[in-house]
Protein backbone atom coordinates (compact mmCIF):
# COMPACT_ATOMS: atom_id res chain seq x y z
CA MET A 1 -8.73 4.84 0.60
CA ARG A 2 -7.07 7.32 2.80
CA GLU A 3 -4.34 5.07 4.49
CA HIS A 4 -1.16 3.44 3.24
CA VAL A 5 -1.83 -0.22 2.53
CA ILE A 6 0.86 -3.13 2.75
CA VAL A 7 -0.08 -6.07 0.52
CA VAL A 8 1.56 -9.33 1.73
CA ASP A 9 0.81 -12.93 0.77
CA LEU A 10 0.29 -15.09 3.82
CA GLY A 11 1.14 -18.42 1.99
CA TYR A 12 3.72 -19.64 -0.41
CA GLY A 13 3.07 -17.00 -2.96
CA ASP A 14 0.78 -17.00 -5.99
CA ALA A 15 -2.36 -16.00 -3.95
CA GLY A 16 -3.09 -12.83 -6.09
CA LYS A 17 -1.22 -9.88 -4.72
CA GLY A 18 -0.98 -8.25 -8.17
CA THR A 19 -4.66 -8.25 -8.82
CA VAL A 20 -5.25 -6.94 -5.35
CA VAL A 21 -2.87 -4.10 -5.99
CA ASP A 22 -4.38 -3.30 -9.18
CA TRP A 23 -7.76 -3.12 -7.67
CA LEU A 24 -6.53 -0.68 -4.96
CA CYS A 25 -5.04 1.38 -7.65
CA ALA A 26 -8.20 1.45 -9.72
CA ARG A 27 -10.36 2.31 -6.72
CA GLU A 28 -9.11 5.63 -5.80
CA PRO A 29 -5.78 7.76 -6.76
CA VAL A 30 -2.60 6.30 -5.47
CA GLN A 31 0.69 8.14 -5.22
CA ALA A 32 2.90 5.19 -5.95
CA VAL A 33 3.27 1.53 -5.53
CA VAL A 34 6.40 0.74 -3.53
CA ARG A 35 8.25 -2.56 -3.81
CA PHE A 36 9.90 -3.60 -0.66
CA ASN A 37 11.27 -7.06 -1.06
CA GLY A 38 12.35 -9.65 -3.61
CA GLY A 39 13.35 -8.82 -7.17
CA GLY A 40 12.89 -10.08 -10.70
CA GLN A 41 11.46 -13.49 -9.63
CA ALA A 42 8.03 -11.96 -8.94
CA ALA A 43 5.13 -12.85 -11.07
CA HIS A 44 2.08 -10.80 -10.30
CA ASN A 45 -0.67 -11.05 -13.05
CA VAL A 46 -2.85 -8.24 -13.87
CA VAL A 47 -5.78 -8.51 -16.26
CA LEU A 48 -7.54 -5.16 -17.39
CA PRO A 49 -11.24 -5.11 -18.46
CA ASP A 50 -10.22 -4.96 -22.15
CA GLY A 51 -8.31 -8.14 -21.81
CA ARG A 52 -4.81 -6.75 -21.62
CA HIS A 53 -2.56 -8.89 -19.55
CA HIS A 54 0.91 -8.26 -17.94
CA THR A 55 2.94 -10.33 -15.39
CA PHE A 56 4.65 -7.82 -13.35
CA ALA A 57 8.09 -8.70 -11.75
CA GLN A 58 9.64 -5.40 -10.78
CA PHE A 59 7.32 -2.65 -11.82
CA GLY A 60 4.40 -2.20 -9.61
CA SER A 61 0.98 -3.71 -10.40
CA GLY A 62 -0.60 -0.32 -10.74
CA THR A 63 1.51 0.49 -13.69
CA LEU A 64 -1.23 -0.17 -16.21
CA ARG A 65 -3.33 2.44 -14.25
CA GLY A 66 -0.54 5.00 -14.65
CA VAL A 67 0.45 4.67 -11.09
CA PRO A 68 4.41 5.21 -10.57
CA THR A 69 6.62 2.57 -9.02
CA HIS A 70 9.39 3.08 -6.50
CA LEU A 71 11.76 0.36 -5.89
CA SER A 72 13.07 0.65 -2.41
CA ARG A 73 16.44 -0.07 -1.11
CA PHE A 74 15.13 -3.47 0.00
CA MET A 75 14.68 -4.59 -3.66
CA VAL A 76 17.04 -6.75 -5.75
CA VAL A 77 17.07 -4.66 -9.09
CA ASP A 78 17.78 -6.36 -12.31
CA PRO A 79 18.01 -3.52 -15.05
CA LEU A 80 18.14 -6.09 -17.96
CA ALA A 81 14.98 -7.78 -16.81
CA LEU A 82 13.44 -4.37 -16.18
CA THR A 83 14.02 -3.34 -19.75
CA ALA A 84 12.37 -6.51 -21.08
CA GLU A 85 9.52 -5.71 -18.81
CA ALA A 86 9.16 -2.24 -19.94
CA ALA A 87 9.03 -3.36 -23.52
CA HIS A 88 5.96 -5.45 -22.83
CA LEU A 89 4.45 -2.55 -21.07
CA CYS A 90 4.95 -0.30 -24.02
CA GLU A 91 3.22 -2.90 -26.21
CA LEU A 92 0.15 -2.68 -23.88
CA GLY A 93 -0.04 1.03 -24.28
CA VAL A 94 2.14 2.36 -21.45
CA PRO A 95 4.03 5.14 -23.32
CA ASP A 96 7.06 5.53 -21.16
CA PRO A 97 7.21 2.80 -18.22
CA PHE A 98 10.66 4.05 -17.15
CA GLY A 99 9.27 7.58 -16.70
CA LEU A 100 7.01 5.94 -13.91
CA LEU A 101 10.12 4.43 -12.14
CA THR A 102 12.16 5.58 -9.22
CA VAL A 103 14.98 3.40 -7.82
CA ASP A 104 16.80 3.78 -4.56
CA ARG A 105 20.55 4.08 -5.18
CA ASP A 106 21.07 1.51 -2.23
CA ALA A 107 19.09 -1.18 -4.00
CA LEU A 108 21.32 -4.32 -4.79
CA LEU A 109 21.98 -4.98 -8.43
CA ALA A 110 21.45 -8.44 -9.79
CA THR A 111 23.65 -9.22 -12.80
CA PRO A 112 24.13 -11.92 -15.35
CA TYR A 113 27.07 -13.29 -13.16
CA HIS A 114 24.66 -13.65 -10.10
CA VAL A 115 22.16 -15.47 -12.31
CA ALA A 116 24.82 -17.87 -13.74
CA ALA A 117 26.10 -18.70 -10.19
CA GLY A 118 22.73 -19.16 -8.77
CA ARG A 119 21.74 -21.52 -11.49
CA ALA A 120 24.89 -23.48 -11.24
CA ARG A 121 24.27 -23.78 -7.50
CA GLU A 122 20.74 -25.22 -8.01
CA LEU A 123 21.75 -27.58 -10.74
CA ALA A 124 24.48 -28.91 -8.32
CA ARG A 125 21.81 -29.80 -5.89
CA ALA A 126 20.29 -32.45 -8.31
CA ALA A 127 17.47 -34.17 -6.73
CA ASP A 128 17.62 -31.87 -3.60
CA ARG A 129 16.92 -28.65 -5.54
CA HIS A 130 15.45 -25.89 -3.46
CA GLY A 131 13.26 -24.54 -6.12
CA SER A 132 15.11 -21.28 -7.24
CA CYS A 133 13.43 -18.97 -9.81
CA GLY A 134 16.75 -18.87 -11.55
CA MET A 135 17.00 -15.07 -11.51
CA GLY A 136 19.99 -14.80 -9.17
CA VAL A 137 18.23 -12.96 -6.46
CA GLY A 138 19.59 -15.34 -3.61
CA GLU A 139 22.99 -15.33 -5.06
CA THR A 140 22.82 -11.34 -5.06
CA MET A 141 21.90 -11.40 -1.45
CA ALA A 142 24.48 -13.97 -0.47
CA TYR A 143 27.34 -12.10 -2.17
CA ALA A 144 26.25 -8.82 -0.71
CA LEU A 145 26.25 -10.57 2.90
CA ALA A 146 29.87 -11.87 2.23
CA HIS A 147 31.20 -8.87 0.36
CA PRO A 148 29.13 -5.77 1.48
CA GLU A 149 31.68 -3.23 0.10
CA LEU A 150 31.94 -4.83 -3.20
CA ALA A 151 28.35 -5.60 -3.80
CA PRO A 152 27.05 -3.63 -6.98
CA THR A 153 24.17 -1.38 -6.37
CA ALA A 154 21.73 0.77 -8.43
CA GLY A 155 23.69 3.80 -7.54
CA ASP A 156 26.87 2.27 -8.95
CA CYS A 157 25.21 2.55 -12.39
CA GLU A 158 25.90 6.26 -12.38
CA SER A 159 29.79 5.60 -11.86
CA PRO A 160 31.21 3.38 -14.79
CA ALA A 161 34.64 3.14 -13.23
CA ARG A 162 33.24 2.00 -9.92
CA LEU A 163 30.75 -0.45 -11.42
CA ALA A 164 33.40 -1.95 -13.60
CA ARG A 165 35.74 -2.44 -10.68
CA LYS A 166 32.80 -4.16 -8.77
CA LEU A 167 31.74 -6.30 -11.71
CA HIS A 168 35.24 -7.59 -12.36
CA ALA A 169 35.63 -8.57 -8.63
CA LEU A 170 32.17 -10.09 -8.70
CA ARG A 171 32.77 -12.24 -11.79
CA GLU A 172 36.22 -13.38 -10.42
CA THR A 173 34.85 -14.35 -6.99
CA LEU A 174 32.00 -16.31 -8.40
CA GLU A 175 34.02 -17.97 -11.02
CA VAL A 176 31.44 -17.76 -13.91
CA THR A 177 31.25 -16.89 -17.46
CA GLY A 178 29.05 -14.17 -18.75
CA PRO A 179 28.87 -11.19 -20.99
CA PRO A 180 31.88 -8.99 -21.01
CA VAL A 181 32.02 -6.44 -18.06
CA ASP A 182 32.19 -3.59 -20.47
CA ASP A 183 29.02 -4.63 -22.19
CA CYS A 184 27.29 -4.82 -18.62
CA VAL A 185 28.64 -1.40 -17.56
CA ALA A 186 27.07 0.14 -20.98
CA ALA A 187 23.89 -1.31 -20.30
CA TYR A 188 23.66 -0.30 -16.78
CA ARG A 189 24.85 3.25 -17.63
CA ALA A 190 22.04 3.53 -20.23
CA PHE A 191 19.58 2.22 -17.41
CA ALA A 192 20.66 5.08 -15.08
CA GLU A 193 20.00 7.56 -17.89
CA ARG A 194 16.48 6.23 -18.33
CA VAL A 195 15.27 6.00 -14.69
CA ILE A 196 15.27 8.39 -11.74
CA LEU A 197 17.81 7.25 -9.04
CA VAL A 198 17.11 8.68 -5.62
CA ASP A 199 18.23 8.40 -1.96
CA SER A 200 16.33 7.37 1.10
CA SER A 201 14.82 10.96 1.59
CA PHE A 202 12.57 10.28 -1.37
CA THR A 203 10.48 7.64 0.47
CA THR A 204 10.01 10.00 3.33
CA ALA A 205 8.74 12.69 0.93
CA LEU A 206 6.67 10.27 -1.00
CA LEU A 207 4.97 8.97 2.11
CA ARG A 208 3.63 12.58 2.98
CA ARG A 209 1.49 12.32 -0.21
CA ARG A 210 -0.68 9.69 0.87
CA PRO A 211 -1.92 7.14 -0.08
CA VAL A 212 0.91 4.60 -1.16
CA VAL A 213 0.43 0.87 -1.75
CA PHE A 214 3.47 -1.31 -0.75
CA GLU A 215 3.48 -4.47 -2.87
CA GLY A 216 5.17 -7.53 -1.34
CA ALA A 217 6.72 -10.39 -3.30
CA GLN A 218 6.47 -14.12 -2.74
CA GLY A 219 4.82 -15.29 0.59
CA VAL A 220 5.34 -15.34 4.27
CA LEU A 221 5.71 -19.10 4.37
CA LEU A 222 8.93 -18.64 2.23
CA ASP A 223 10.31 -16.09 4.46
CA GLU A 224 14.07 -16.25 4.79
CA TRP A 225 13.96 -16.31 8.58
CA HIS A 226 10.71 -17.99 9.38
CA GLY A 227 9.82 -19.99 6.27
CA PHE A 228 10.43 -23.80 5.96
CA HIS A 229 14.20 -24.01 5.38
CA PRO A 230 15.69 -24.75 3.00
CA TYR A 231 12.79 -24.22 0.63
CA THR A 232 12.77 -20.46 1.29
CA THR A 233 13.71 -17.33 -0.44
CA TRP A 234 16.46 -14.90 0.35
CA SER A 235 13.98 -12.15 1.34
CA THR A 236 11.97 -10.84 4.14
CA THR A 237 8.48 -11.45 2.89
CA THR A 238 6.68 -10.24 6.00
CA PHE A 239 5.43 -6.66 6.65
CA ALA A 240 8.67 -5.78 8.30
CA ASN A 241 10.49 -4.09 5.38
CA ALA A 242 7.51 -1.91 4.45
CA LEU A 243 7.04 -0.88 8.09
CA THR A 244 10.73 0.15 8.24
CA LEU A 245 10.15 2.38 5.24
CA LEU A 246 6.96 3.77 6.86
CA ASP A 247 9.05 4.70 9.94
CA GLY A 248 6.20 4.93 12.31
CA ALA A 249 3.52 6.06 9.76
CA GLY A 250 0.33 4.18 9.87
CA ALA A 251 -0.80 1.59 7.34
CA VAL A 252 -3.30 -1.26 6.75
CA ARG A 253 -1.70 -4.52 6.81
CA LEU A 254 -3.50 -6.53 4.20
CA GLY A 255 -2.90 -10.34 3.96
CA VAL A 256 -3.73 -12.12 0.79
CA LEU A 257 -4.90 -15.77 0.48
CA ARG A 258 -6.58 -18.08 -1.79
CA THR A 259 -9.50 -20.37 -0.92
CA HIS A 260 -6.87 -23.22 -1.61
CA THR A 261 -3.22 -23.26 -0.78
CA PRO A 262 -0.79 -23.43 -3.77
CA ARG A 263 2.98 -23.85 -3.75
CA HIS A 264 5.42 -23.40 -6.74
CA GLY A 265 8.19 -25.88 -6.53
CA PRO A 266 9.47 -28.25 -3.85
CA GLY A 267 8.97 -28.08 -0.18
CA PRO A 268 6.27 -28.87 2.45
CA LEU A 269 2.43 -28.59 1.32
CA VAL A 270 0.76 -30.54 4.04
CA THR A 271 -2.63 -30.44 2.39
CA GLU A 272 -1.48 -31.23 -1.22
CA ASP A 273 -4.04 -32.99 -3.34
CA PRO A 274 -3.53 -33.50 -6.99
CA ALA A 275 -7.23 -34.29 -7.43
CA ILE A 276 -8.11 -30.46 -6.70
CA GLU A 277 -9.21 -29.07 -10.18
CA VAL A 278 -8.54 -25.34 -10.42
CA THR A 279 -7.82 -23.45 -13.63
CA GLU A 280 -4.36 -21.81 -13.73
CA ALA A 281 -4.16 -19.47 -16.67
CA HIS A 282 -0.83 -18.09 -15.60
CA ASN A 283 0.94 -20.67 -13.44
CA GLY A 284 2.49 -23.98 -14.50
CA THR A 285 5.67 -25.93 -14.19
CA GLY A 286 8.74 -23.75 -14.41
CA PRO A 287 12.29 -24.73 -15.58
CA TRP A 288 13.72 -23.61 -12.32
CA GLN A 289 10.90 -23.49 -9.81
CA GLY A 290 9.39 -26.88 -10.68
CA PRO A 291 5.82 -27.76 -10.77
CA PHE A 292 2.88 -25.66 -9.56
CA ARG A 293 1.11 -27.53 -6.73
CA VAL A 294 -2.17 -27.09 -5.15
CA GLY A 295 -3.55 -28.07 -1.58
CA HIS A 296 -6.66 -27.42 0.41
CA PHE A 297 -6.91 -24.37 2.53
CA ASP A 298 -4.28 -24.71 5.25
CA ALA A 299 -5.48 -22.76 8.15
CA VAL A 300 -2.69 -24.01 10.45
CA ALA A 301 -0.03 -22.89 8.07
CA HIS A 302 -1.73 -19.46 7.63
CA ARG A 303 -2.20 -18.95 11.28
CA TYR A 304 1.63 -19.59 11.41
CA ALA A 305 2.29 -17.06 8.80
CA LEU A 306 0.18 -14.37 10.66
CA ALA A 307 2.04 -15.14 13.91
CA VAL A 308 5.52 -14.59 12.21
CA ALA A 309 4.35 -11.48 10.51
CA GLY A 310 2.97 -10.01 13.55
CA GLY A 311 -0.64 -10.20 12.56
CA ALA A 312 -2.71 -8.32 9.90
CA ASP A 313 -5.58 -5.76 9.98
CA ALA A 314 -7.63 -7.44 7.03
CA LEU A 315 -7.56 -10.20 4.46
CA ALA A 316 -8.26 -10.36 0.87
CA LEU A 317 -9.40 -13.74 -0.24
CA THR A 318 -9.12 -14.70 -4.00
CA HIS A 319 -10.27 -17.62 -5.97
CA LEU A 320 -13.89 -17.51 -4.60
CA ASP A 321 -15.03 -19.09 -7.98
CA ALA A 322 -12.66 -22.20 -7.31
CA PRO A 323 -14.57 -25.51 -6.92
CA VAL A 324 -13.17 -26.26 -3.45
CA SER A 325 -15.07 -26.89 -0.07
CA ARG A 326 -12.45 -28.43 2.24
CA MET A 327 -10.34 -26.62 4.94
CA CYS A 328 -7.61 -27.97 6.96
CA VAL A 329 -8.32 -26.92 10.55
CA SER A 330 -5.66 -28.61 12.45
CA TYR A 331 -2.63 -31.01 12.25
CA ASP A 332 -2.18 -33.99 14.29
CA LEU A 333 1.16 -32.47 15.60
CA GLY A 334 -0.67 -29.29 16.81
CA GLU A 335 0.04 -25.53 16.00
CA LEU A 336 3.31 -24.70 14.46
CA PRO A 337 5.55 -22.80 16.94
CA VAL A 338 7.39 -19.58 16.14
CA GLY A 339 11.06 -19.64 16.59
CA THR A 340 13.79 -17.12 16.90
CA ALA A 341 14.42 -15.22 13.59
CA GLY A 342 17.56 -16.60 11.87
CA ASP A 343 17.75 -19.98 13.64
CA LEU A 344 17.65 -21.93 10.40
CA ASP A 345 18.69 -25.21 12.04
CA ARG A 346 15.33 -24.93 14.14
CA GLN A 347 13.47 -24.08 10.84
CA ALA A 348 14.92 -27.15 9.09
CA ARG A 349 13.75 -29.42 11.97
CA LEU A 350 10.22 -27.76 11.69
CA THR A 351 10.36 -28.62 7.91
CA ASP A 352 11.15 -32.20 8.84
CA ARG A 353 8.25 -32.44 11.25
CA LEU A 354 6.02 -31.08 8.49
CA ARG A 355 6.83 -33.98 6.20
CA THR A 356 4.93 -36.39 8.41
CA ALA A 357 2.15 -33.97 9.56
CA ARG A 358 -1.32 -35.30 9.05
CA PRO A 359 -4.17 -32.57 8.32
CA ARG A 360 -7.52 -32.71 9.85
CA TYR A 361 -10.24 -31.26 7.71
CA ALA A 362 -13.63 -29.61 7.85
CA ASP A 363 -15.73 -30.21 4.76
CA GLY A 364 -18.61 -28.51 3.06
CA VAL A 365 -17.28 -24.86 3.31
CA ASP A 366 -19.60 -22.82 1.10
CA ASP A 367 -19.02 -19.32 2.79
CA TRP A 368 -15.24 -18.96 2.40
CA PRO A 369 -15.18 -15.31 3.67
CA ALA A 370 -16.86 -16.23 6.78
CA ALA A 371 -15.00 -19.67 7.33
CA VAL A 372 -11.52 -17.99 6.73
CA THR A 373 -12.51 -15.07 9.09
CA GLU A 374 -13.43 -17.58 11.86
CA ALA A 375 -10.38 -19.85 11.36
CA LEU A 376 -7.76 -17.08 11.35
CA GLY A 377 -9.40 -14.37 13.63
CA ILE A 378 -8.91 -11.65 10.93
CA PRO A 379 -11.76 -10.20 8.97
CA VAL A 380 -11.93 -10.81 5.21
CA CYS A 381 -12.60 -7.31 3.78
CA LEU A 382 -12.07 -8.23 0.10
CA GLY A 383 -13.10 -11.14 -2.07
CA SER A 384 -12.22 -11.99 -5.53
CA SER A 385 -13.75 -14.22 -8.07
CA GLY A 386 -11.66 -13.47 -11.13
CA PRO A 387 -8.54 -11.67 -12.27
CA ALA A 388 -9.98 -8.21 -13.13
CA ALA A 389 -10.83 -5.39 -10.71
CA ALA A 390 -14.52 -5.77 -11.57
CA ASP A 391 -14.44 -9.28 -10.02
CA LYS A 392 -13.64 -7.91 -6.62
CA VAL A 393 -16.27 -7.67 -3.78
CA LEU A 394 -15.51 -5.32 -0.89
CA PHE A 395 -16.92 -6.33 2.46
CA THR A 396 -17.57 -3.72 5.25
CA ARG A 397 -17.54 -5.14 8.59
CA ALA A 398 -20.02 -3.62 11.16
CA GLY A 399 -20.69 -6.26 13.60
CA PRO A 400 -20.64 -10.01 14.07
CA GLY A 401 -20.95 -12.49 11.28
CA LEU A 402 -19.76 -12.41 7.60
CA ARG A 403 -22.89 -12.40 5.44
CA PRO A 404 -22.89 -10.38 2.06
CA GLY A 405 -25.75 -8.00 2.11
CA ASN A 406 -26.89 -5.28 -0.46
CA ARG A 407 -24.66 -2.78 -1.95
CA SER A 408 -23.39 -0.47 0.85
CA THR A 409 -24.71 3.15 0.30
CA GLY A 410 -24.01 4.49 3.86
CA PRO A 411 -23.79 3.29 7.50
CA ASN A 412 -24.53 -0.30 7.95
CA PRO A 413 -26.85 -1.01 11.10
CA GLY A 414 -27.63 -4.36 12.28
CA GLY A 415 -24.07 -6.03 11.94
CA VAL A 416 -24.48 -7.32 8.41
CA ILE A 417 -21.53 -7.57 6.14
CA THR A 418 -22.32 -5.53 2.92
CA HIS A 419 -20.26 -5.54 -0.11
CA GLU A 420 -19.46 -3.31 -2.95
CA ARG A 421 -18.53 -4.27 -6.63
CA VAL A 422 -16.01 -2.06 -8.20
């Protein structure tokens, strides 16, 4: 792996970004994993060969391999949640997780006051809940948009007086209860002393030491501008933020999908089928997100995700071991049109249309990499049949077709797709 890689979920999330990032970090030396959207609501599961398991939220999914994490300015950083995550990483044998962490000073800070306000807002929706993760990420973004000069950032943790002023204003504006401001300031000051806070020039220098893996959060179908409003996230989930950080440097855009299409919480899932029997070791009903739902592979929705994301260079397909063989190839209402970014009224109308959409299926799919390549027009380069790096199969495209061949030991004449187990 000589190039930077951007890992993005082309569904509603939960496709396996964490295990793909772990595989990339196990395969060859990686300078860092850069997080470029979302915050503490991520849940990227990694399982090592010896059985150790961690659900990554803010730390990059290469941490168990000793790969450093950089939280970019596009992240919403929750120091209290980071401390809890670091404690579990220590239990798993990572001696100093914070020593592997750098944080951009401009990254927004999620606080207990944001969490309280966000949860209250979701509860007030009653039966019309949007499926919040309850981590205050959306409230943090909304407050920053409304009060850009008062929004706390990671850099404020170095200035107790400035941070205290912002936290007092935040608590008063949101009209919520929570821990005393002085206690928060002390905790955040301790956080600033444990991590390395950097400015934007750090990312530029980091990218010169290639390769870097950019790890996305959630999925493109939840994107704040192009997702199915209002069941979306307050985050840009496409490749866009990573490309901004790259500033013209090249990178492989890797989209991640399952052989079926899951969704956590409310919102459209056109191919939903409760009869699908798949094992979910790390997903279930959450108190804020709601139930974990499963549908058949939705090529229409994933083509839409590719369109709004500006395409991808290759795909990683997980859950090849799942007992599924049906693919949605079209809707009765046709392909999903891409609208202007930020036109949420239009996105809400699209959501309403999806409520009555009827899927049309192709049955008997037994070669999922070939079927997905054909349906989406993007080659599947990586397959996964389990949570560990050893469960991955690398496909090398050298011509038409998508037929696994023998282990690749060199050039691949004849147009056969070879695979390599790692």
